[in-house]
PDB file of N, CA and C in Angstrom:
ATOM      1  N   MET A   1       7.886 -52.239  16.714  1.00  0.00           N
ATOM      2  CA  MET A   1       7.147 -51.701  16.320  1.00  0.00           C
ATOM      3  C   MET A   1       6.912 -50.192  16.296  1.00  0.00           C
ATOM      4  N   PRO A   2       7.040 -49.340  14.615  1.00  0.00           N
ATOM      5  CA  PRO A   2       6.798 -47.661  14.550  1.00  0.00           C
ATOM      6  C   PRO A   2       6.538 -46.561  15.840  1.00  0.00           C
ATOM      7  N   LEU A   3       7.495 -45.991  15.433  1.00  0.00           N
ATOM      8  CA  LEU A   3       6.398 -44.924  16.330  1.00  0.00           C
ATOM      9  C   LEU A   3       5.274 -44.266  15.931  1.00  0.00           C
ATOM     10  N   GLN A   4       4.388 -43.906  16.496  1.00  0.00           N
ATOM     11  CA  GLN A   4       3.662 -43.000  16.233  1.00  0.00           C
ATOM     12  C   GLN A   4       2.909 -41.953  16.616  1.00  0.00           C
ATOM     13  N   LYS A   5       1.900 -41.102  16.227  1.00  0.00           N
ATOM     14  CA  LYS A   5       1.225 -40.061  16.314  1.00  0.00           C
ATOM     15  C   LYS A   5      -0.182 -39.862  16.072  1.00  0.00           C
ATOM     16  N   PHE A   6      -0.917 -39.470  17.381  1.00  0.00           N
ATOM     17  CA  PHE A   6      -2.045 -39.230  16.501  1.00  0.00           C
ATOM     18  C   PHE A   6      -2.349 -37.801  17.076  1.00  0.00           C
ATOM     19  N   PHE A   7      -2.787 -37.427  16.012  1.00  0.00           N
ATOM     20  CA  PHE A   7      -3.295 -35.993  16.651  1.00  0.00           C
ATOM     21  C   PHE A   7      -5.364 -36.004  16.582  1.00  0.00           C
ATOM     22  N   TYR A   8      -5.510 -35.316  17.601  1.00  0.00           N
ATOM     23  CA  TYR A   8      -7.912 -35.390  18.094  1.00  0.00           C
ATOM     24  C   TYR A   8      -7.683 -33.943  17.435  1.00  0.00           C
ATOM     25  N   TYR A   9      -8.391 -33.938  16.418  1.00  0.00           N
ATOM     26  CA  TYR A   9      -8.744 -32.488  16.330  1.00  0.00           C
ATOM     27  C   TYR A   9     -10.307 -32.045  16.547  1.00  0.00           C
ATOM     28  N   PHE A  10     -10.428 -30.837  17.484  1.00  0.00           N
ATOM     29  CA  PHE A  10     -11.971 -30.695  18.287  1.00  0.00           C
ATOM     30  C   PHE A  10     -12.173 -29.823  17.794  1.00  0.00           C
ATOM     31  N   LYS A  11     -13.142 -29.936  17.541  1.00  0.00           N
ATOM     32  CA  LYS A  11     -14.301 -28.448  17.462  1.00  0.00           C
ATOM     33  C   LYS A  11     -13.329 -27.084  18.983  1.00  0.00           C
ATOM     34  N   SER A  12     -12.799 -27.111  19.436  1.00  0.00           N
ATOM     35  CA  SER A  12     -12.325 -25.789  20.242  1.00  0.00           C
ATOM     36  C   SER A  12     -11.376 -26.440  19.752  1.00  0.00           C
ATOM     37  N   SER A  13     -10.643 -26.848  19.474  1.00  0.00           N
ATOM     38  CA  SER A  13      -9.167 -26.863  18.555  1.00  0.00           C
ATOM     39  C   SER A  13      -9.722 -26.267  17.282  1.00  0.00           C
ATOM     40  N   SER A  14     -10.300 -26.074  16.863  1.00  0.00           N
ATOM     41  CA  SER A  14     -10.367 -25.566  14.945  1.00  0.00           C
ATOM     42  C   SER A  14     -11.139 -23.904  15.552  1.00  0.00           C
ATOM     43  N   PHE A  15     -11.641 -24.011  16.548  1.00  0.00           N
ATOM     44  CA  PHE A  15     -11.631 -22.181  16.185  1.00  0.00           C
ATOM     45  C   PHE A  15     -10.923 -22.086  17.801  1.00  0.00           C
ATOM     46  N   PHE A  16      -9.851 -22.773  18.067  1.00  0.00           N
ATOM     47  CA  PHE A  16      -8.460 -21.652  18.673  1.00  0.00           C
ATOM     48  C   PHE A  16      -7.076 -21.823  17.483  1.00  0.00           C
ATOM     49  N   SER A  17      -7.737 -22.665  15.980  1.00  0.00           N
ATOM     50  CA  SER A  17      -6.556 -22.248  15.699  1.00  0.00           C
ATOM     51  C   SER A  17      -7.191 -21.078  14.531  1.00  0.00           C
ATOM     52  N   ILE A  18      -8.496 -20.705  13.838  1.00  0.00           N
ATOM     53  CA  ILE A  18      -9.083 -20.221  13.240  1.00  0.00           C
ATOM     54  C   ILE A  18      -8.282 -19.085  14.412  1.00  0.00           C
ATOM     55  N   LEU A  19      -8.501 -18.355  15.720  1.00  0.00           N
ATOM     56  CA  LEU A  19      -8.340 -17.617  16.540  1.00  0.00           C
ATOM     57  C   LEU A  19      -6.801 -16.756  16.512  1.00  0.00           C
ATOM     58  N   TRP A  20      -6.044 -18.027  16.697  1.00  0.00           N
ATOM     59  CA  TRP A  20      -4.822 -18.048  16.381  1.00  0.00           C
ATOM     60  C   TRP A  20      -3.985 -17.176  14.881  1.00  0.00           C
ATOM     61  N   VAL A  21      -4.654 -18.149  14.271  1.00  0.00           N
ATOM     62  CA  VAL A  21      -4.322 -17.621  12.580  1.00  0.00           C
ATOM     63  C   VAL A  21      -4.850 -15.833  12.440  1.00  0.00           C
ATOM     64  N   TYR A  22      -6.278 -15.733  12.663  1.00  0.00           N
ATOM     65  CA  TYR A  22      -6.309 -14.019  13.529  1.00  0.00           C
ATOM     66  C   TYR A  22      -5.689 -13.620  13.497  1.00  0.00           C
ATOM     67  N   SER A  23      -5.395 -13.849  14.935  1.00  0.00           N
ATOM     68  CA  SER A  23      -4.845 -13.255  15.455  1.00  0.00           C
ATOM     69  C   SER A  23      -2.722 -12.558  15.138  1.00  0.00           C
ATOM     70  N   TYR A  24      -2.810 -13.557  14.759  1.00  0.00           N
ATOM     71  CA  TYR A  24      -1.103 -13.066  13.939  1.00  0.00           C
ATOM     72  C   TYR A  24      -1.675 -12.268  12.998  1.00  0.00           C
ATOM     73  N   PHE A  25      -2.580 -11.994  12.327  1.00  0.00           N
ATOM     74  CA  PHE A  25      -3.150 -11.486  10.957  1.00  0.00           C
ATOM     75  C   PHE A  25      -3.630  -9.891  11.550  1.00  0.00           C
ATOM     76  N   PHE A  26      -3.705 -10.146  12.609  1.00  0.00           N
ATOM     77  CA  PHE A  26      -3.956  -8.919  13.207  1.00  0.00           C
ATOM     78  C   PHE A  26      -2.779  -8.196  13.963  1.00  0.00           C
ATOM     79  N   ILE A  27      -2.189  -8.647  14.477  1.00  0.00           N
ATOM     80  CA  ILE A  27      -0.713  -7.748  14.937  1.00  0.00           C
ATOM     81  C   ILE A  27       0.078  -7.464  13.386  1.00  0.00           C
ATOM     82  N   CYS A  28      -0.001  -8.522  12.755  1.00  0.00           N
ATOM     83  CA  CYS A  28       0.576  -7.917  11.478  1.00  0.00           C
ATOM     84  C   CYS A  28       0.136  -6.892  10.866  1.00  0.00           C
ATOM     85  N   GLU A  29      -1.540  -6.930  10.861  1.00  0.00           N
ATOM     86  CA  GLU A  29      -1.662  -5.296  10.805  1.00  0.00           C
ATOM     87  C   GLU A  29      -1.553  -4.411  11.445  1.00  0.00           C
ATOM     88  N   ILE A  30      -1.192  -4.556  12.492  1.00  0.00           N
ATOM     89  CA  ILE A  30      -0.723  -3.179  13.932  1.00  0.00           C
ATOM     90  C   ILE A  30       0.713  -2.835  13.619  1.00  0.00           C
ATOM     91  N   LEU A  31       0.895  -3.832  12.599  1.00  0.00           N
ATOM     92  CA  LEU A  31       2.546  -3.283  12.914  1.00  0.00           C
ATOM     93  C   LEU A  31       2.917  -2.612  11.530  1.00  0.00           C
ATOM     94  N   GLN A  32       2.130  -2.438  10.398  1.00  0.00           N
ATOM     95  CA  GLN A  32       2.062  -2.054   9.789  1.00  0.00           C
ATOM     96  C   GLN A  32       1.514  -0.740   9.857  1.00  0.00           C
ATOM     97  N   SER A  33       0.281  -1.175  10.288  1.00  0.00           N
ATOM     98  CA  SER A  33      -0.853  -0.047  10.390  1.00  0.00           C
ATOM     99  C   SER A  33       0.600   0.877  11.228  1.00  0.00           C
ATOM    100  N   LEU A  34       1.880   1.342  11.969  1.00  0.00           N
ATOM    101  CA  LEU A  34       2.310   1.293  13.269  1.00  0.00           C
ATOM    102  C   LEU A  34       3.671   2.486  12.213  1.00  0.00           C
ATOM    103  N   ASN A  35       3.883   1.374  11.524  1.00  0.00           N
ATOM    104  CA  ASN A  35       5.069   2.318  10.544  1.00  0.00           C
ATOM    105  C   ASN A  35       3.925   2.863   9.228  1.00  0.00           C
ATOM    106  N   GLN A  36       3.265   2.576   9.085  1.00  0.00           N
ATOM    107  CA  GLN A  36       2.845   3.925   7.410  1.00  0.00           C
ATOM    108  C   GLN A  36       2.166   4.978   8.780  1.00  0.00           C
ATOM    109  N   PHE A  37       1.602   4.843   9.940  1.00  0.00           N
ATOM    110  CA  PHE A  37       1.359   6.025  10.762  1.00  0.00           C
ATOM    111  C   PHE A  37       3.221   6.622  11.129  1.00  0.00           C
ATOM    112  N   THR A  38       3.873   6.412  11.834  1.00  0.00           N
ATOM    113  CA  THR A  38       5.139   7.181  11.957  1.00  0.00           C
ATOM    114  C   THR A  38       5.830   7.190  10.439  1.00  0.00           C
ATOM    115  N   ILE A  39       5.760   7.386   9.252  1.00  0.00           N
ATOM    116  CA  ILE A  39       6.033   7.751   8.540  1.00  0.00           C
ATOM    117  C   ILE A  39       4.755   8.787   8.382  1.00  0.00           C
ATOM    118  N   ASN A  40       4.068   8.660   8.103  1.00  0.00           N
ATOM    119  CA  ASN A  40       2.757  10.094   8.276  1.00  0.00           C
ATOM    120  C   ASN A  40       3.795  10.911   9.011  1.00  0.00           C
ATOM    121  N   TYR A  41       2.945  10.662  10.039  1.00  0.00           N
ATOM    122  CA  TYR A  41       3.753  11.507  11.460  1.00  0.00           C
ATOM    123  C   TYR A  41       4.892  12.491  11.647  1.00  0.00           C
ATOM    124  N   LEU A  42       6.242  11.368  11.285  1.00  0.00           N
ATOM    125  CA  LEU A  42       7.946  11.905  10.862  1.00  0.00           C
ATOM    126  C   LEU A  42       7.845  13.251   9.564  1.00  0.00           C
ATOM    127  N   GLY A  43       6.451  13.053   8.447  1.00  0.00           N
ATOM    128  CA  GLY A  43       6.386  13.680   7.386  1.00  0.00           C
ATOM    129  C   GLY A  43       5.691  14.569   7.608  1.00  0.00           C
ATOM    130  N   THR A  44       4.374  14.818   8.758  1.00  0.00           N
ATOM    131  CA  THR A  44       4.040  15.916   8.676  1.00  0.00           C
ATOM    132  C   THR A  44       4.561  17.253   9.836  1.00  0.00           C
ATOM    133  N   VAL A  45       5.058  16.298  10.791  1.00  0.00           N
ATOM    134  CA  VAL A  45       5.807  17.210  11.497  1.00  0.00           C
ATOM    135  C   VAL A  45       6.704  17.932  10.674  1.00  0.00           C
ATOM    136  N   TRP A  46       7.489  17.715  10.001  1.00  0.00           N
ATOM    137  CA  TRP A  46       8.481  18.174   9.438  1.00  0.00           C
ATOM    138  C   TRP A  46       8.099  18.814   7.931  1.00  0.00           C
ATOM    139  N   TYR A  47       7.000  19.037   7.294  1.00  0.00           N
ATOM    140  CA  TYR A  47       6.087  19.096   6.841  1.00  0.00           C
ATOM    141  C   TYR A  47       5.931  21.160   7.319  1.00  0.00           C
ATOM    142  N   PHE A  48       5.272  20.892   8.828  1.00  0.00           N
ATOM    143  CA  PHE A  48       4.259  22.207   9.752  1.00  0.00           C
ATOM    144  C   PHE A  48       5.811  22.446  10.221  1.00  0.00           C
ATOM    145  N   SER A  49       7.126  22.789   9.974  1.00  0.00           N
ATOM    146  CA  SER A  49       7.427  22.629  11.197  1.00  0.00           C
ATOM    147  C   SER A  49       8.703  24.493  10.405  1.00  0.00           C
ATOM    148  N   ASP A  50       9.550  24.277  11.137  1.00  0.00           N
ATOM    149  CA  ASP A  50       9.933  25.647  10.597  1.00  0.00           C
ATOM    150  C   ASP A  50      11.512  25.136  10.758  1.00  0.00           C
ATOM    151  N   LYS A  51      11.799  25.135   9.122  1.00  0.00           N
ATOM    152  CA  LYS A  51      12.575  24.564   9.049  1.00  0.00           C
ATOM    153  C   LYS A  51      14.238  24.515   8.755  1.00  0.00           C
ATOM    154  N   SER A  52      14.493  26.183   9.182  1.00  0.00           N
ATOM    155  CA  SER A  52      15.995  25.522   9.573  1.00  0.00           C
ATOM    156  C   SER A  52      16.390  26.051  11.133  1.00  0.00           C
ATOM    157  N   ASN A  53      14.737  26.468  11.938  1.00  0.00           N
ATOM    158  CA  ASN A  53      15.437  25.108  13.367  1.00  0.00           C
ATOM    159  C   ASN A  53      14.882  24.237  13.313  1.00  0.00           C
ATOM    160  N   PHE A  54      14.589  23.121  12.773  1.00  0.00           N
ATOM    161  CA  PHE A  54      14.221  22.140  12.757  1.00  0.00           C
ATOM    162  C   PHE A  54      15.831  20.581  12.642  1.00  0.00           C
ATOM    163  N   PRO A  55      15.042  20.464  13.821  1.00  0.00           N
ATOM    164  CA  PRO A  55      16.257  19.291  14.265  1.00  0.00           C
ATOM    165  C   PRO A  55      16.466  17.926  13.197  1.00  0.00           C
ATOM    166  N   LYS A  56      17.920  17.809  12.774  1.00  0.00           N
ATOM    167  CA  LYS A  56      18.199  17.067  12.007  1.00  0.00           C
ATOM    168  C   LYS A  56      17.700  15.495  11.783  1.00  0.00           C
ATOM    169  N   GLN A  57      18.108  15.302  13.629  1.00  0.00           N
ATOM    170  CA  GLN A  57      17.369  13.858  13.925  1.00  0.00           C
ATOM    171  C   GLN A  57      16.098  13.477  14.592  1.00  0.00           C
ATOM    172  N   ASN A  58      16.118  13.233  14.383  1.00  0.00           N
ATOM    173  CA  ASN A  58      14.112  12.850  14.860  1.00  0.00           C
ATOM    174  C   ASN A  58      14.731  11.089  15.226  1.00  0.00           C
ATOM    175  N   ASN A  59      14.656  10.693  16.466  1.00  0.00           N
ATOM    176  CA  ASN A  59      14.250   9.246  17.268  1.00  0.00           C
ATOM    177  C   ASN A  59      12.912   9.261  16.945  1.00  0.00           C
ATOM    178  N   VAL A  60      12.785   7.992  16.127  1.00  0.00           N
ATOM    179  CA  VAL A  60      11.755   7.505  15.836  1.00  0.00           C
ATOM    180  C   VAL A  60      11.288   6.169  16.645  1.00  0.00           C
ATOM    181  N   TRP A  61      11.979   5.822  17.541  1.00  0.00           N
ATOM    182  CA  TRP A  61      11.617   5.150  18.979  1.00  0.00           C
ATOM    183  C   TRP A  61      10.383   6.342  19.805  1.00  0.00           C
ATOM    184  N   LYS A  62      11.082   7.221  19.578  1.00  0.00           N
ATOM    185  CA  LYS A  62       9.884   8.800  20.507  1.00  0.00           C
ATOM    186  C   LYS A  62       9.134   8.943  19.285  1.00  0.00           C
ATOM    187  N   VAL A  63       8.780   8.487  18.123  1.00  0.00           N
ATOM    188  CA  VAL A  63       7.970   9.151  17.624  1.00  0.00           C
ATOM    189  C   VAL A  63       6.844   7.276  17.780  1.00  0.00           C
ATOM    190  N   MET A  64       7.335   6.472  17.798  1.00  0.00           N
ATOM    191  CA  MET A  64       6.606   4.881  18.371  1.00  0.00           C
ATOM    192  C   MET A  64       5.840   5.326  19.689  1.00  0.00           C
ATOM    193  N   LYS A  65       6.539   5.845  19.902  1.00  0.00           N
ATOM    194  CA  LYS A  65       5.991   5.720  22.211  1.00  0.00           C
ATOM    195  C   LYS A  65       4.885   6.701  21.990  1.00  0.00           C
ATOM    196  N   THR A  66       4.990   7.752  21.666  1.00  0.00           N
ATOM    197  CA  THR A  66       3.900   8.814  21.029  1.00  0.00           C
ATOM    198  C   THR A  66       2.554   8.381  20.644  1.00  0.00           C
ATOM    199  N   ILE A  67       2.911   7.563  19.347  1.00  0.00           N
ATOM    200  CA  ILE A  67       1.873   7.365  18.581  1.00  0.00           C
ATOM    201  C   ILE A  67       0.768   6.182  19.082  1.00  0.00           C
ATOM    202  N   ILE A  68       1.394   5.316  20.096  1.00  0.00           N
ATOM    203  CA  ILE A  68       1.119   3.863  21.178  1.00  0.00           C
ATOM    204  C   ILE A  68       0.488   4.415  22.287  1.00  0.00           C
ATOM    205  N   ASN A  69       1.176   6.090  22.402  1.00  0.00           N
ATOM    206  CA  ASN A  69       0.476   6.303  24.013  1.00  0.00           C
ATOM    207  C   ASN A  69      -0.753   7.433  23.233  1.00  0.00           C
ATOM    208  N   TYR A  70      -0.399   7.753  22.386  1.00  0.00           N
ATOM    209  CA  TYR A  70      -2.363   8.787  22.207  1.00  0.00           C
ATOM    210  C   TYR A  70      -3.049   8.451  20.812  1.00  0.00           C
ATOM    211  N   HIS A  71      -2.040   7.908  20.220  1.00  0.00           N
ATOM    212  CA  HIS A  71      -3.643   6.927  19.465  1.00  0.00           C
ATOM    213  C   HIS A  71      -2.875   5.633  18.964  1.00  0.00           C
ATOM    214  N   LEU A  72      -3.645   4.362  20.388  1.00  0.00           N
ATOM    215  CA  LEU A  72      -3.936   3.442  19.721  1.00  0.00           C
ATOM    216  C   LEU A  72      -4.381   2.682  19.783  1.00  0.00           C
ATOM    217  N   GLY A  73      -6.104   3.440  19.642  1.00  0.00           N
ATOM    218  CA  GLY A  73      -6.948   2.825  19.881  1.00  0.00           C
ATOM    219  C   GLY A  73      -7.772   3.221  18.009  1.00  0.00           C
ATOM    220  N   SER A  74      -6.950   4.231  16.942  1.00  0.00           N
ATOM    221  CA  SER A  74      -7.269   5.001  15.940  1.00  0.00           C
ATOM    222  C   SER A  74      -6.403   3.576  15.161  1.00  0.00           C
ATOM    223  N   LEU A  75      -4.836   3.307  16.533  1.00  0.00           N
ATOM    224  CA  LEU A  75      -3.776   2.112  14.995  1.00  0.00           C
ATOM    225  C   LEU A  75      -5.080   1.223  15.028  1.00  0.00           C
ATOM    226  N   VAL A  76      -5.677   0.706  15.466  1.00  0.00           N
ATOM    227  CA  VAL A  76      -6.479  -0.561  16.075  1.00  0.00           C
ATOM    228  C   VAL A  76      -7.563  -1.080  15.388  1.00  0.00           C
ATOM    229  N   LEU A  77      -8.211   0.378  15.914  1.00  0.00           N
ATOM    230  CA  LEU A  77      -9.174   0.265  15.128  1.00  0.00           C
ATOM    231  C   LEU A  77      -9.064   0.453  12.919  1.00  0.00           C
ATOM    232  N   SER A  78      -8.649   0.612  13.059  1.00  0.00           N
ATOM    233  CA  SER A  78      -7.637   0.506  11.570  1.00  0.00           C
ATOM    234  C   SER A  78      -7.070  -0.635  11.014  1.00  0.00           C
ATOM    235  N   SER A  79      -6.002  -1.323  12.568  1.00  0.00           N
ATOM    236  CA  SER A  79      -5.603  -2.351  11.545  1.00  0.00           C
ATOM    237  C   SER A  79      -7.238  -3.484  11.725  1.00  0.00           C
ATOM    238  N   PHE A  80      -8.202  -3.480  12.480  1.00  0.00           N
ATOM    239  CA  PHE A  80      -9.337  -3.717  12.408  1.00  0.00           C
ATOM    240  C   PHE A  80      -9.991  -4.091  11.106  1.00  0.00           C
ATOM    241  N   ILE A  81     -10.154  -3.045  10.596  1.00  0.00           N
ATOM    242  CA  ILE A  81     -10.800  -2.767   9.473  1.00  0.00           C
ATOM    243  C   ILE A  81     -10.221  -2.553   8.294  1.00  0.00           C
ATOM    244  N   ASN A  82      -9.166  -3.058   8.340  1.00  0.00           N
ATOM    245  CA  ASN A  82      -8.163  -3.309   7.202  1.00  0.00           C
ATOM    246  C   ASN A  82      -8.339  -5.256   7.098  1.00  0.00           C
ATOM    247  N   LEU A  83      -7.902  -5.145   8.766  1.00  0.00           N
ATOM    248  CA  LEU A  83      -7.753  -7.330   8.206  1.00  0.00           C
ATOM    249  C   LEU A  83      -9.598  -7.542   7.885  1.00  0.00           C
ATOM    250  N   LEU A  84     -10.345  -6.652   8.422  1.00  0.00           N
ATOM    251  CA  LEU A  84     -11.668  -7.558   7.733  1.00  0.00           C
ATOM    252  C   LEU A  84     -12.296  -7.611   7.011  1.00  0.00           C
ATOM    253  N   PHE A  85     -11.799  -6.359   5.577  1.00  0.00           N
ATOM    254  CA  PHE A  85     -11.998  -5.602   4.378  1.00  0.00           C
ATOM    255  C   PHE A  85     -10.838  -6.640   3.985  1.00  0.00           C
ATOM    256  N   LYS A  86      -9.817  -6.847   4.094  1.00  0.00           N
ATOM    257  CA  LYS A  86      -8.737  -7.822   3.507  1.00  0.00           C
ATOM    258  C   LYS A  86      -8.775  -8.577   2.354  1.00  0.00           C
ATOM    259  N   PRO A  87      -9.766  -9.727   2.965  1.00  0.00           N
ATOM    260  CA  PRO A  87     -11.045 -10.567   2.060  1.00  0.00           C
ATOM    261  C   PRO A  87     -11.037 -10.649   1.501  1.00  0.00           C
ATOM    262  N   LEU A  88     -12.172  -9.512   1.018  1.00  0.00           N
ATOM    263  CA  LEU A  88     -12.315  -9.003  -0.348  1.00  0.00           C
ATOM    264  C   LEU A  88     -11.420  -7.995  -1.137  1.00  0.00           C
ATOM    265  N   ARG A  89     -10.405  -7.442  -0.517  1.00  0.00           N
ATOM    266  CA  ARG A  89      -9.709  -7.216  -0.928  1.00  0.00           C
ATOM    267  C   ARG A  89      -9.116  -7.746  -1.621  1.00  0.00           C
ATOM    268  N   VAL A  90      -8.062  -9.172  -1.155  1.00  0.00           N
ATOM    269  CA  VAL A  90      -7.827  -9.919  -2.000  1.00  0.00           C
ATOM    270  C   VAL A  90      -8.232 -10.391  -3.181  1.00  0.00           C
ATOM    271  N   ILE A  91      -9.367 -10.492  -2.978  1.00  0.00           N
ATOM    272  CA  ILE A  91     -10.111 -11.189  -4.212  1.00  0.00           C
ATOM    273  C   ILE A  91     -10.245 -10.354  -5.346  1.00  0.00           C
ATOM    274  N   PHE A  92     -10.955  -9.057  -4.856  1.00  0.00           N
ATOM    275  CA  PHE A  92     -10.979  -8.075  -6.405  1.00  0.00           C
ATOM    276  C   PHE A  92      -9.336  -8.380  -7.020  1.00  0.00           C
ATOM    277  N   PHE A  93      -7.832  -8.546  -5.568  1.00  0.00           N
ATOM    278  CA  PHE A  93      -6.596  -7.898  -6.590  1.00  0.00           C
ATOM    279  C   PHE A  93      -6.553  -9.350  -7.943  1.00  0.00           C
ATOM    280  N   TRP A  94      -7.619 -10.356  -7.262  1.00  0.00           N
ATOM    281  CA  TRP A  94      -6.277 -12.209  -7.620  1.00  0.00           C
ATOM    282  C   TRP A  94      -7.570 -11.716  -9.077  1.00  0.00           C
ATOM    283  N   THR A  95      -9.038 -11.335  -9.134  1.00  0.00           N
ATOM    284  CA  THR A  95      -9.766 -11.234  -9.903  1.00  0.00           C
ATOM    285  C   THR A  95      -9.466 -10.683 -10.829  1.00  0.00           C
ATOM    286  N   ASN A  96      -8.927  -9.610 -10.669  1.00  0.00           N
ATOM    287  CA  ASN A  96      -8.731  -8.140 -12.137  1.00  0.00           C
ATOM    288  C   ASN A  96      -6.961  -8.389 -12.681  1.00  0.00           C
ATOM    289  N   SER A  97      -6.063  -9.242 -11.665  1.00  0.00           N
ATOM    290  CA  SER A  97      -5.504 -10.347 -12.120  1.00  0.00           C
ATOM    291  C   SER A  97      -5.090 -11.099 -13.369  1.00  0.00           C
ATOM    292  N   THR A  98      -5.689 -12.461 -13.105  1.00  0.00           N
ATOM    293  CA  THR A  98      -6.743 -13.377 -13.614  1.00  0.00           C
ATOM    294  C   THR A  98      -7.387 -12.875 -14.599  1.00  0.00           C
ATOM    295  N   LEU A  99      -8.475 -11.795 -14.996  1.00  0.00           N
ATOM    296  CA  LEU A  99      -9.055 -11.392 -16.245  1.00  0.00           C
ATOM    297  C   LEU A  99      -8.585 -10.347 -16.863  1.00  0.00           C
ATOM    298  N   SER A 100      -7.404 -10.198 -16.505  1.00  0.00           N
ATOM    299  CA  SER A 100      -5.945  -9.451 -17.668  1.00  0.00           C
ATOM    300  C   SER A 100      -5.094 -10.733 -18.799  1.00  0.00           C
ATOM    301  N   LEU A 101      -5.438 -11.534 -17.848  1.00  0.00           N
ATOM    302  CA  LEU A 101      -4.884 -12.262 -18.640  1.00  0.00           C
ATOM    303  C   LEU A 101      -5.316 -12.656 -19.925  1.00  0.00           C
ATOM    304  N   PRO A 102      -4.712 -12.958 -20.712  1.00  0.00           N
ATOM    305  CA  PRO A 102      -5.058 -12.785 -22.228  1.00  0.00           C
ATOM    306  C   PRO A 102      -5.772 -14.793 -23.274  1.00  0.00           C
ATOM    307  N   PHE A 103      -5.999 -15.158 -22.166  1.00  0.00           N
ATOM    308  CA  PHE A 103      -6.833 -16.623 -21.970  1.00  0.00           C
ATOM    309  C   PHE A 103      -8.257 -16.432 -22.139  1.00  0.00           C
ATOM    310  N   PHE A 104      -8.285 -15.052 -20.755  1.00  0.00           N
ATOM    311  CA  PHE A 104      -9.460 -14.611 -20.221  1.00  0.00           C
ATOM    312  C   PHE A 104     -10.027 -14.388 -21.055  1.00  0.00           C
ATOM    313  N   TYR A 105      -9.545 -12.752 -21.940  1.00  0.00           N
ATOM    314  CA  TYR A 105     -10.489 -12.280 -22.382  1.00  0.00           C
ATOM    315  C   TYR A 105     -12.092 -12.311 -23.176  1.00  0.00           C
ATOM    316  N   ASN A 106     -12.815 -11.430 -22.166  1.00  0.00           N
ATOM    317  CA  ASN A 106     -13.441 -11.481 -22.855  1.00  0.00           C
ATOM    318  C   ASN A 106     -14.119  -9.885 -23.350  1.00  0.00           C
ATOM    319  N   HIS A 107     -15.206  -9.450 -23.936  1.00  0.00           N
ATOM    320  CA  HIS A 107     -15.715  -8.740 -24.437  1.00  0.00           C
ATOM    321  C   HIS A 107     -16.842  -7.656 -23.476  1.00  0.00           C
ATOM    322  N   ILE A 108     -17.801  -8.434 -23.062  1.00  0.00           N
ATOM    323  CA  ILE A 108     -18.468  -7.958 -22.223  1.00  0.00           C
ATOM    324  C   ILE A 108     -17.714  -7.579 -20.635  1.00  0.00           C
ATOM    325  N   ILE A 109     -16.026  -7.872 -20.191  1.00  0.00           N
ATOM    326  CA  ILE A 109     -15.475  -7.224 -19.391  1.00  0.00           C
ATOM    327  C   ILE A 109     -14.602  -6.757 -19.552  1.00  0.00           C
ATOM    328  N   HIS A 110     -14.575  -5.979 -21.402  1.00  0.00           N
ATOM    329  CA  HIS A 110     -13.106  -5.877 -21.666  1.00  0.00           C
ATOM    330  C   HIS A 110     -14.129  -4.138 -22.308  1.00  0.00           C
ATOM    331  N   LYS A 111     -15.145  -3.926 -21.965  1.00  0.00           N
ATOM    332  CA  LYS A 111     -15.864  -3.561 -22.044  1.00  0.00           C
ATOM    333  C   LYS A 111     -16.661  -1.967 -20.877  1.00  0.00           C
ATOM    334  N   ILE A 112     -16.689  -2.956 -20.009  1.00  0.00           N
ATOM    335  CA  ILE A 112     -17.148  -2.567 -18.630  1.00  0.00           C
ATOM    336  C   ILE A 112     -15.783  -1.958 -18.275  1.00  0.00           C
ATOM    337  N   LYS A 113     -14.249  -2.630 -18.220  1.00  0.00           N
ATOM    338  CA  LYS A 113     -12.786  -1.648 -17.501  1.00  0.00           C
ATOM    339  C   LYS A 113     -13.348  -0.880 -18.368  1.00  0.00           C
ATOM    340  N   HIS A 114     -13.200  -0.978 -19.187  1.00  0.00           N
ATOM    341  CA  HIS A 114     -12.811   0.295 -20.874  1.00  0.00           C
ATOM    342  C   HIS A 114     -14.372   1.579 -19.951  1.00  0.00           C
ATOM    343  N   ASN A 115     -15.171   1.340 -19.950  1.00  0.00           N
ATOM    344  CA  ASN A 115     -16.530   2.058 -19.645  1.00  0.00           C
ATOM    345  C   ASN A 115     -15.924   2.609 -18.210  1.00  0.00           C
ATOM    346  N   PHE A 116     -15.234   2.202 -17.279  1.00  0.00           N
ATOM    347  CA  PHE A 116     -15.555   2.554 -15.491  1.00  0.00           C
ATOM    348  C   PHE A 116     -13.828   3.230 -15.758  1.00  0.00           C
ATOM    349  N   CYS A 117     -12.832   2.518 -16.454  1.00  0.00           N
ATOM    350  CA  CYS A 117     -12.132   3.671 -16.503  1.00  0.00           C
ATOM    351  C   CYS A 117     -11.642   5.259 -17.550  1.00  0.00           C
ATOM    352  N   ASN A 118     -12.620   4.949 -17.984  1.00  0.00           N
ATOM    353  CA  ASN A 118     -12.620   6.460 -18.811  1.00  0.00           C
ATOM    354  C   ASN A 118     -14.125   7.503 -17.550  1.00  0.00           C
ATOM    355  N   LYS A 119     -14.763   6.541 -18.034  1.00  0.00           N
ATOM    356  CA  LYS A 119     -16.260   7.688 -16.500  1.00  0.00           C
ATOM    357  C   LYS A 119     -15.013   8.096 -15.035  1.00  0.00           C
ATOM    358  N   ARG A 120     -14.142   7.573 -14.794  1.00  0.00           N
ATOM    359  CA  ARG A 120     -12.663   7.997 -13.571  1.00  0.00           C
ATOM    360  C   ARG A 120     -11.685   9.162 -14.331  1.00  0.00           C
ATOM    361  N   LYS A 121     -11.551   8.787 -15.343  1.00  0.00           N
ATOM    362  CA  LYS A 121     -11.075  10.162 -15.760  1.00  0.00           C
ATOM    363  C   LYS A 121     -11.542  11.275 -16.282  1.00  0.00           C
ATOM    364  N   LYS A 122     -12.758  11.497 -16.716  1.00  0.00           N
ATOM    365  CA  LYS A 122     -13.533  12.641 -16.253  1.00  0.00           C
ATOM    366  C   LYS A 122     -13.799  13.610 -15.107  1.00  0.00           C
TER     367      LYS A 122
END
């Protein structure tokens, strides 16, 4: 008799699976926001400091600790908002890349894109 496994999927399992995936992407967004915040912080500190007395080596870990200590709420809120609108961004990027293909060429869509680009340049 072969070894068989059965997996029973309950409603609570589906809820926690969705929560698990959402938490994974939320943590990824927090780490991405932390990296962007660190780069912006270092750039701002360098730009507004005295260049002759500026320390040549900045400790990135100290900067990340400062960000986590003083700006954790901004970091979490921005990650939550990014994650909230990420499906919409993915849909827009996919639509733009799909409609840019030559076999999806449509005169109406081309006119709309042309008018939108011309209005943005003005």
